[in-house]
Amino acid sequence: MAAHTSRTESLDDNAAVPDPPRVAWRKHMRQRVLDAARDLACASGWDQVSLSAVAAAAEVSRPSVYKEFGNRAGLGRALVVRETREFLESVAQALYPGLPDTRASLETAVFFVLTEAHRNPLVRAVVMAAREGSDSLLPYLTARADPIFDAAQGLLRAWLTERFPGRDEDLIEMAADITVRMTISHLLLPGADPRPTAQRLSLAVLKVMR
């Protein structure tokens, strides 16, 4: 009986501790607000999205939105960070474990980005708005100091380090930087066919690693 009790207590100790009600509500509210902002941005473009409209769509108070995100720019940043991180998780799946051939693996990942970005409503809306002259959300995708850019570079650095063990860190840093910058550039100014673009980009990046 004592042993049974001990095992039960051990299981209870390892069980996930639920968030306090206030913390749980805040997390739920944050997701609702981000979901509402995403829907509105996809429907009308970010330039047409106001905090009042987002609060109404999420069925929360406007002060709650301000308290959580600070301002409209803070909400935009949080939205793009969430969406792009989810997108990068899919890119990571294209790289890991990846194809045995390094070039083919990188080409597959770049091709995925160039094609899947147009299927993701928010990323597509940001890219299309940028092509039309509005860049209100674009800086969050392209700014060097932004966590999105850093996250993409970090993903590529880790992958290149695994594929090229012992290679100079500065060289890997340069290759990762080129990959991210060129891929974003091709998203904004796409060619006729993403497959040749992915082939040329992956070849250029791997030449840097030689």
Foldseek 3Di string as FASTA:
>chain_A
DVVVVVVVVVVVVPDDDDDPPVVVVLVVLLVLLLVLQQVVCLVPNNVPDALVSSCVSSVHDSVSVCVVQVHSLSSLLVNCVVVLVVVVVVLLVLQVVADPDPLVSQLSSLLCCLPVLCVPSRSVSQLVVVLVPDNSNVCLCDPPPHVSLVVQLVSQLVSVCVVDPPADSVLSSVLSNQLSVLSVVCSNVPDPDVNVVSNVSSVVSVVSRD
